[in-house]
Amino acid sequence: MFFITLALIRLGGMRIFGKKTAFDNVLVIMLGAVLARGVVGASPFLSTIAASAVMVIIHKILALLAMKHVWIGKIVKGIHRSLYKDGEMNRENMRIATISKDDLMEGVRLEINSDNLDDVKEAVIEKNGQVSVIKK
């Protein structure tokens, strides 16, 4: 099962573990759950492999479609949102992303080693949930 899982991950590409978006995390969790059933014998071996392969192939197809069509990417992977720009916090985007001012400040401290928004040109919550900061 280990080698089959490794082959499936290679088939799916490094994106599965590289991007860490909700889109990728869902596959990792589901793949683990399905393959675990095969390991313990709770599901037939071939059915487990087939279901896992289908999930990886669907993930790969959706990733390719999202690469070619922005609207599919927005649905599948989400969008980034500006939280702070040019001296103004975007409270609406912060509410949508459920990011508090403390969370924003944590991102600023981690990204640019500053505890002051005066050093920040823009702060964005990325598709993977991380706050990225562009320094002035």
N, C-alpha and C. Protein backbone atom coordinates (compact mmCIF):
# COMPACT_ATOMS: atom_id res chain seq x y z
N MET A 1 0.84 -1.20 0.00
CA MET A 1 0.00 0.00 0.00
C MET A 1 0.88 1.25 0.00
N PHE A 2 2.01 1.19 0.70
CA PHE A 2 2.92 2.34 0.75
C PHE A 2 3.38 2.73 -0.66
N PHE A 3 3.81 1.76 -1.43
CA PHE A 3 4.33 2.05 -2.77
C PHE A 3 3.22 2.51 -3.72
N ILE A 4 2.04 1.98 -3.55
CA ILE A 4 0.90 2.43 -4.36
C ILE A 4 0.57 3.88 -4.03
N THR A 5 0.57 4.20 -2.74
CA THR A 5 0.31 5.58 -2.32
C THR A 5 1.37 6.52 -2.87
N LEU A 6 2.61 6.11 -2.82
CA LEU A 6 3.70 6.91 -3.37
C LEU A 6 3.51 7.14 -4.87
N ALA A 7 3.11 6.10 -5.58
CA ALA A 7 2.86 6.22 -7.03
C ALA A 7 1.70 7.18 -7.30
N LEU A 8 0.65 7.09 -6.49
CA LEU A 8 -0.50 7.98 -6.66
C LEU A 8 -0.11 9.45 -6.42
N ILE A 9 0.72 9.67 -5.42
CA ILE A 9 1.17 11.04 -5.14
C ILE A 9 2.04 11.55 -6.28
N ARG A 10 2.88 10.70 -6.82
CA ARG A 10 3.69 11.10 -7.98
C ARG A 10 2.80 11.40 -9.18
N LEU A 11 1.77 10.60 -9.37
CA LEU A 11 0.81 10.83 -10.45
C LEU A 11 0.12 12.19 -10.27
N GLY A 12 -0.26 12.48 -9.05
CA GLY A 12 -0.96 13.73 -8.77
C GLY A 12 -0.07 14.95 -8.86
N GLY A 13 1.21 14.77 -8.66
CA GLY A 13 2.15 15.89 -8.74
C GLY A 13 2.44 16.46 -7.37
N MET A 14 3.50 17.23 -7.29
CA MET A 14 3.95 17.78 -6.02
C MET A 14 3.01 18.88 -5.50
N ARG A 15 2.12 19.35 -6.31
CA ARG A 15 1.17 20.36 -5.89
C ARG A 15 0.35 19.88 -4.68
N ILE A 16 0.09 18.59 -4.64
CA ILE A 16 -0.73 18.02 -3.56
C ILE A 16 -0.19 18.43 -2.19
N PHE A 17 1.13 18.40 -2.04
CA PHE A 17 1.73 18.75 -0.76
C PHE A 17 2.39 20.11 -0.76
N GLY A 18 2.54 20.73 -1.93
CA GLY A 18 3.26 21.99 -2.01
C GLY A 18 2.44 23.22 -1.70
N LYS A 19 1.25 23.33 -2.23
CA LYS A 19 0.45 24.55 -2.11
C LYS A 19 -0.28 24.68 -0.79
N LYS A 20 -0.76 23.57 -0.29
CA LYS A 20 -1.50 23.54 0.98
C LYS A 20 -2.75 24.43 0.98
N THR A 21 -3.46 24.46 -0.12
CA THR A 21 -4.74 25.14 -0.15
C THR A 21 -5.80 24.16 0.33
N ALA A 22 -6.99 24.65 0.58
CA ALA A 22 -8.09 23.77 0.99
C ALA A 22 -8.32 22.69 -0.07
N PHE A 23 -8.20 23.06 -1.32
CA PHE A 23 -8.34 22.15 -2.46
C PHE A 23 -7.39 20.97 -2.31
N ASP A 24 -6.15 21.23 -1.94
CA ASP A 24 -5.15 20.18 -1.79
C ASP A 24 -5.31 19.42 -0.48
N ASN A 25 -5.64 20.12 0.58
CA ASN A 25 -5.81 19.47 1.88
C ASN A 25 -6.97 18.48 1.88
N VAL A 26 -8.04 18.80 1.17
CA VAL A 26 -9.18 17.88 1.08
C VAL A 26 -8.73 16.56 0.45
N LEU A 27 -7.93 16.65 -0.61
CA LEU A 27 -7.46 15.42 -1.25
C LEU A 27 -6.59 14.61 -0.29
N VAL A 28 -5.68 15.27 0.40
CA VAL A 28 -4.78 14.56 1.31
C VAL A 28 -5.57 13.84 2.40
N ILE A 29 -6.55 14.52 2.98
CA ILE A 29 -7.36 13.91 4.05
C ILE A 29 -8.17 12.73 3.51
N MET A 30 -8.83 12.95 2.38
CA MET A 30 -9.65 11.87 1.81
C MET A 30 -8.79 10.69 1.36
N LEU A 31 -7.66 10.99 0.76
CA LEU A 31 -6.78 9.92 0.30
C LEU A 31 -6.29 9.09 1.49
N GLY A 32 -5.93 9.76 2.56
CA GLY A 32 -5.50 9.06 3.77
C GLY A 32 -6.60 8.18 4.34
N ALA A 33 -7.82 8.71 4.36
CA ALA A 33 -8.94 7.95 4.92
C ALA A 33 -9.25 6.72 4.06
N VAL A 34 -9.26 6.89 2.75
CA VAL A 34 -9.58 5.77 1.87
C VAL A 34 -8.48 4.72 1.91
N LEU A 35 -7.24 5.15 1.84
CA LEU A 35 -6.14 4.19 1.84
C LEU A 35 -5.99 3.48 3.19
N ALA A 36 -6.35 4.15 4.26
CA ALA A 36 -6.29 3.52 5.58
C ALA A 36 -7.25 2.33 5.64
N ARG A 37 -8.39 2.46 5.00
CA ARG A 37 -9.34 1.34 4.97
C ARG A 37 -8.75 0.13 4.24
N GLY A 38 -7.95 0.40 3.21
CA GLY A 38 -7.29 -0.70 2.50
C GLY A 38 -6.19 -1.33 3.33
N VAL A 39 -5.49 -0.53 4.10
CA VAL A 39 -4.39 -1.05 4.94
C VAL A 39 -4.93 -1.99 6.01
N VAL A 40 -6.02 -1.61 6.65
CA VAL A 40 -6.55 -2.45 7.74
C VAL A 40 -7.50 -3.54 7.24
N GLY A 41 -7.77 -3.57 5.94
CA GLY A 41 -8.61 -4.61 5.37
C GLY A 41 -10.10 -4.35 5.51
N ALA A 42 -10.48 -3.12 5.83
CA ALA A 42 -11.91 -2.79 5.98
C ALA A 42 -12.61 -2.66 4.63
N SER A 43 -11.83 -2.45 3.56
CA SER A 43 -12.38 -2.35 2.21
C SER A 43 -11.56 -3.24 1.29
N PRO A 44 -12.16 -3.71 0.21
CA PRO A 44 -11.41 -4.54 -0.74
C PRO A 44 -10.21 -3.77 -1.32
N PHE A 45 -9.11 -4.46 -1.49
CA PHE A 45 -7.85 -3.85 -1.92
C PHE A 45 -8.00 -3.10 -3.25
N LEU A 46 -8.54 -3.77 -4.27
CA LEU A 46 -8.64 -3.15 -5.60
C LEU A 46 -9.61 -1.97 -5.61
N SER A 47 -10.69 -2.07 -4.86
CA SER A 47 -11.64 -0.95 -4.78
C SER A 47 -10.99 0.26 -4.13
N THR A 48 -10.18 0.02 -3.13
CA THR A 48 -9.47 1.10 -2.44
C THR A 48 -8.51 1.79 -3.39
N ILE A 49 -7.77 1.00 -4.15
CA ILE A 49 -6.81 1.56 -5.11
C ILE A 49 -7.55 2.34 -6.19
N ALA A 50 -8.63 1.79 -6.69
CA ALA A 50 -9.40 2.45 -7.75
C ALA A 50 -9.98 3.78 -7.26
N ALA A 51 -10.57 3.78 -6.07
CA ALA A 51 -11.14 5.02 -5.53
C ALA A 51 -10.06 6.07 -5.32
N SER A 52 -8.92 5.67 -4.83
CA SER A 52 -7.81 6.59 -4.61
C SER A 52 -7.30 7.16 -5.92
N ALA A 53 -7.16 6.31 -6.92
CA ALA A 53 -6.69 6.75 -8.23
C ALA A 53 -7.66 7.75 -8.85
N VAL A 54 -8.95 7.48 -8.73
CA VAL A 54 -9.95 8.40 -9.27
C VAL A 54 -9.87 9.76 -8.57
N MET A 55 -9.70 9.76 -7.26
CA MET A 55 -9.58 11.04 -6.53
C MET A 55 -8.36 11.83 -7.00
N VAL A 56 -7.23 11.15 -7.17
CA VAL A 56 -6.01 11.83 -7.60
C VAL A 56 -6.17 12.36 -9.02
N ILE A 57 -6.77 11.58 -9.90
CA ILE A 57 -6.98 12.02 -11.29
C ILE A 57 -7.93 13.21 -11.35
N ILE A 58 -9.02 13.18 -10.58
CA ILE A 58 -9.94 14.32 -10.55
C ILE A 58 -9.23 15.56 -10.02
N HIS A 59 -8.43 15.41 -8.99
CA HIS A 59 -7.66 16.53 -8.45
C HIS A 59 -6.74 17.11 -9.52
N LYS A 60 -6.06 16.24 -10.25
CA LYS A 60 -5.14 16.68 -11.31
C LYS A 60 -5.90 17.41 -12.42
N ILE A 61 -7.03 16.87 -12.82
CA ILE A 61 -7.84 17.49 -13.88
C ILE A 61 -8.34 18.87 -13.43
N LEU A 62 -8.84 18.95 -12.21
CA LEU A 62 -9.32 20.24 -11.70
C LEU A 62 -8.18 21.26 -11.60
N ALA A 63 -7.00 20.81 -11.19
CA ALA A 63 -5.85 21.71 -11.11
C ALA A 63 -5.47 22.22 -12.50
N LEU A 64 -5.49 21.35 -13.50
CA LEU A 64 -5.18 21.77 -14.87
C LEU A 64 -6.24 22.73 -15.40
N LEU A 65 -7.51 22.44 -15.14
CA LEU A 65 -8.58 23.33 -15.58
C LEU A 65 -8.48 24.69 -14.88
N ALA A 66 -8.15 24.67 -13.60
CA ALA A 66 -8.01 25.92 -12.84
C ALA A 66 -6.85 26.76 -13.38
N MET A 67 -5.85 26.09 -13.91
CA MET A 67 -4.71 26.79 -14.48
C MET A 67 -5.11 27.51 -15.78
N LYS A 68 -6.00 26.91 -16.53
CA LYS A 68 -6.41 27.48 -17.82
C LYS A 68 -7.59 28.44 -17.71
N HIS A 69 -8.45 28.24 -16.70
CA HIS A 69 -9.66 29.04 -16.56
C HIS A 69 -9.71 29.66 -15.16
N VAL A 70 -9.57 30.96 -15.09
CA VAL A 70 -9.51 31.67 -13.81
C VAL A 70 -10.76 31.41 -12.97
N TRP A 71 -11.92 31.38 -13.59
CA TRP A 71 -13.16 31.22 -12.83
C TRP A 71 -13.22 29.85 -12.15
N ILE A 72 -12.66 28.82 -12.79
CA ILE A 72 -12.61 27.51 -12.15
C ILE A 72 -11.64 27.55 -10.97
N GLY A 73 -10.52 28.23 -11.16
CA GLY A 73 -9.55 28.38 -10.08
C GLY A 73 -10.14 29.06 -8.86
N LYS A 74 -10.96 30.07 -9.09
CA LYS A 74 -11.60 30.78 -7.98
C LYS A 74 -12.56 29.87 -7.22
N ILE A 75 -13.27 29.03 -7.94
CA ILE A 75 -14.22 28.12 -7.30
C ILE A 75 -13.47 27.03 -6.53
N VAL A 76 -12.48 26.44 -7.15
CA VAL A 76 -11.79 25.29 -6.58
C VAL A 76 -10.77 25.69 -5.53
N LYS A 77 -9.98 26.72 -5.82
CA LYS A 77 -8.86 27.08 -4.95
C LYS A 77 -9.12 28.31 -4.08
N GLY A 78 -10.13 29.08 -4.42
CA GLY A 78 -10.42 30.29 -3.66
C GLY A 78 -9.68 31.50 -4.25
N ILE A 79 -9.75 32.62 -3.54
CA ILE A 79 -9.09 33.84 -4.00
C ILE A 79 -8.31 34.46 -2.85
N HIS A 80 -7.34 35.28 -3.22
CA HIS A 80 -6.64 36.04 -2.19
C HIS A 80 -7.41 37.34 -1.95
N ARG A 81 -7.26 37.90 -0.76
CA ARG A 81 -7.97 39.13 -0.41
C ARG A 81 -7.01 40.10 0.26
N SER A 82 -7.11 41.34 -0.14
CA SER A 82 -6.29 42.38 0.48
C SER A 82 -6.87 42.72 1.84
N LEU A 83 -6.03 42.68 2.88
CA LEU A 83 -6.47 42.99 4.24
C LEU A 83 -6.09 44.40 4.65
N TYR A 84 -4.99 44.88 4.07
CA TYR A 84 -4.46 46.20 4.43
C TYR A 84 -3.73 46.74 3.22
N LYS A 85 -4.01 48.00 2.89
CA LYS A 85 -3.34 48.61 1.74
C LYS A 85 -3.28 50.12 1.92
N ASP A 86 -2.09 50.66 1.73
CA ASP A 86 -1.87 52.11 1.76
C ASP A 86 -2.47 52.77 3.01
N GLY A 87 -2.22 52.19 4.17
CA GLY A 87 -2.64 52.79 5.43
C GLY A 87 -4.06 52.50 5.86
N GLU A 88 -4.78 51.68 5.11
CA GLU A 88 -6.19 51.39 5.42
C GLU A 88 -6.41 49.88 5.57
N MET A 89 -7.06 49.49 6.66
CA MET A 89 -7.47 48.10 6.81
C MET A 89 -8.77 47.89 6.05
N ASN A 90 -8.86 46.78 5.36
CA ASN A 90 -10.09 46.43 4.65
C ASN A 90 -10.90 45.54 5.58
N ARG A 91 -11.75 46.17 6.37
CA ARG A 91 -12.54 45.46 7.40
C ARG A 91 -13.46 44.41 6.79
N GLU A 92 -14.00 44.67 5.61
CA GLU A 92 -14.89 43.72 4.97
C GLU A 92 -14.15 42.43 4.61
N ASN A 93 -12.97 42.56 3.99
CA ASN A 93 -12.17 41.38 3.66
C ASN A 93 -11.68 40.68 4.92
N MET A 94 -11.37 41.43 5.96
CA MET A 94 -10.94 40.83 7.22
C MET A 94 -12.10 40.03 7.83
N ARG A 95 -13.31 40.56 7.73
CA ARG A 95 -14.48 39.84 8.24
C ARG A 95 -14.73 38.56 7.44
N ILE A 96 -14.65 38.66 6.12
CA ILE A 96 -14.88 37.49 5.26
C ILE A 96 -13.84 36.41 5.55
N ALA A 97 -12.60 36.81 5.75
CA ALA A 97 -11.51 35.86 6.01
C ALA A 97 -11.39 35.49 7.49
N THR A 98 -12.25 36.07 8.31
CA THR A 98 -12.21 35.90 9.78
C THR A 98 -10.81 36.13 10.34
N ILE A 99 -10.22 37.25 9.93
CA ILE A 99 -8.90 37.66 10.39
C ILE A 99 -9.07 38.90 11.27
N SER A 100 -8.57 38.82 12.49
CA SER A 100 -8.64 39.97 13.39
C SER A 100 -7.41 40.86 13.18
N LYS A 101 -7.44 42.03 13.80
CA LYS A 101 -6.28 42.91 13.72
C LYS A 101 -5.07 42.23 14.35
N ASP A 102 -5.28 41.48 15.43
CA ASP A 102 -4.18 40.73 16.06
C ASP A 102 -3.59 39.71 15.09
N ASP A 103 -4.44 39.02 14.33
CA ASP A 103 -3.96 38.05 13.33
C ASP A 103 -3.14 38.76 12.25
N LEU A 104 -3.63 39.91 11.82
CA LEU A 104 -2.92 40.70 10.81
C LEU A 104 -1.56 41.12 11.33
N MET A 105 -1.52 41.60 12.57
CA MET A 105 -0.26 42.04 13.17
C MET A 105 0.71 40.86 13.33
N GLU A 106 0.18 39.69 13.64
CA GLU A 106 1.04 38.51 13.73
C GLU A 106 1.70 38.23 12.38
N GLY A 107 0.90 38.32 11.32
CA GLY A 107 1.45 38.13 9.97
C GLY A 107 2.53 39.15 9.65
N VAL A 108 2.31 40.40 10.05
CA VAL A 108 3.30 41.45 9.81
C VAL A 108 4.59 41.14 10.57
N ARG A 109 4.46 40.74 11.82
CA ARG A 109 5.64 40.41 12.62
C ARG A 109 6.42 39.24 12.01
N LEU A 110 5.70 38.22 11.59
CA LEU A 110 6.35 37.04 11.02
C LEU A 110 6.97 37.30 9.66
N GLU A 111 6.33 38.12 8.85
CA GLU A 111 6.80 38.36 7.49
C GLU A 111 7.93 39.38 7.40
N ILE A 112 7.79 40.51 8.09
CA ILE A 112 8.79 41.58 7.93
C ILE A 112 9.46 41.98 9.24
N ASN A 113 9.23 41.20 10.28
CA ASN A 113 9.85 41.47 11.59
C ASN A 113 9.61 42.89 12.07
N SER A 114 8.39 43.34 11.93
CA SER A 114 8.01 44.68 12.38
C SER A 114 6.68 44.58 13.12
N ASP A 115 6.50 45.47 14.09
CA ASP A 115 5.25 45.51 14.83
C ASP A 115 4.50 46.80 14.51
N ASN A 116 4.72 47.30 13.30
CA ASN A 116 4.18 48.60 12.93
C ASN A 116 3.63 48.55 11.51
N LEU A 117 2.38 48.93 11.34
CA LEU A 117 1.77 48.92 10.01
C LEU A 117 2.32 50.03 9.11
N ASP A 118 3.05 50.97 9.70
CA ASP A 118 3.65 52.04 8.89
C ASP A 118 4.70 51.49 7.93
N ASP A 119 5.23 50.30 8.22
CA ASP A 119 6.24 49.66 7.37
C ASP A 119 5.62 48.82 6.25
N VAL A 120 4.28 48.75 6.23
CA VAL A 120 3.58 47.83 5.33
C VAL A 120 2.91 48.60 4.20
N LYS A 121 3.19 48.15 2.97
CA LYS A 121 2.49 48.69 1.81
C LYS A 121 1.15 47.97 1.64
N GLU A 122 1.21 46.63 1.71
CA GLU A 122 -0.03 45.84 1.57
C GLU A 122 0.13 44.51 2.29
N ALA A 123 -0.97 44.03 2.87
CA ALA A 123 -1.03 42.71 3.49
C ALA A 123 -2.21 41.96 2.85
N VAL A 124 -1.96 40.72 2.48
CA VAL A 124 -2.94 39.93 1.74
C VAL A 124 -3.07 38.57 2.40
N ILE A 125 -4.30 38.09 2.51
CA ILE A 125 -4.48 36.69 2.91
C ILE A 125 -4.53 35.88 1.62
N GLU A 126 -3.62 34.92 1.53
CA GLU A 126 -3.48 34.13 0.31
C GLU A 126 -4.49 32.98 0.30
N LYS A 127 -4.53 32.27 -0.81
CA LYS A 127 -5.47 31.16 -0.96
C LYS A 127 -5.25 30.06 0.05
N ASN A 128 -4.02 29.93 0.53
CA ASN A 128 -3.71 28.88 1.49
C ASN A 128 -3.92 29.32 2.94
N GLY A 129 -4.39 30.56 3.14
CA GLY A 129 -4.68 31.04 4.48
C GLY A 129 -3.55 31.81 5.14
N GLN A 130 -2.39 31.87 4.51
CA GLN A 130 -1.26 32.61 5.08
C GLN A 130 -1.39 34.10 4.75
N VAL A 131 -0.91 34.93 5.68
CA VAL A 131 -0.88 36.36 5.43
C VAL A 131 0.48 36.68 4.85
N SER A 132 0.49 37.30 3.67
CA SER A 132 1.74 37.75 3.08
C SER A 132 1.76 39.27 3.15
N VAL A 133 2.95 39.82 3.31
CA VAL A 133 3.10 41.25 3.54
C VAL A 133 4.11 41.82 2.54
N ILE A 134 3.72 42.94 1.92
CA ILE A 134 4.63 43.67 1.04
C ILE A 134 5.10 44.89 1.80
N LYS A 135 6.40 44.95 1.95
CA LYS A 135 7.01 46.03 2.73
C LYS A 135 7.09 47.30 1.87
N LYS A 136 6.98 48.46 2.55
CA LYS A 136 7.12 49.74 1.85
C LYS A 136 8.53 49.91 1.35
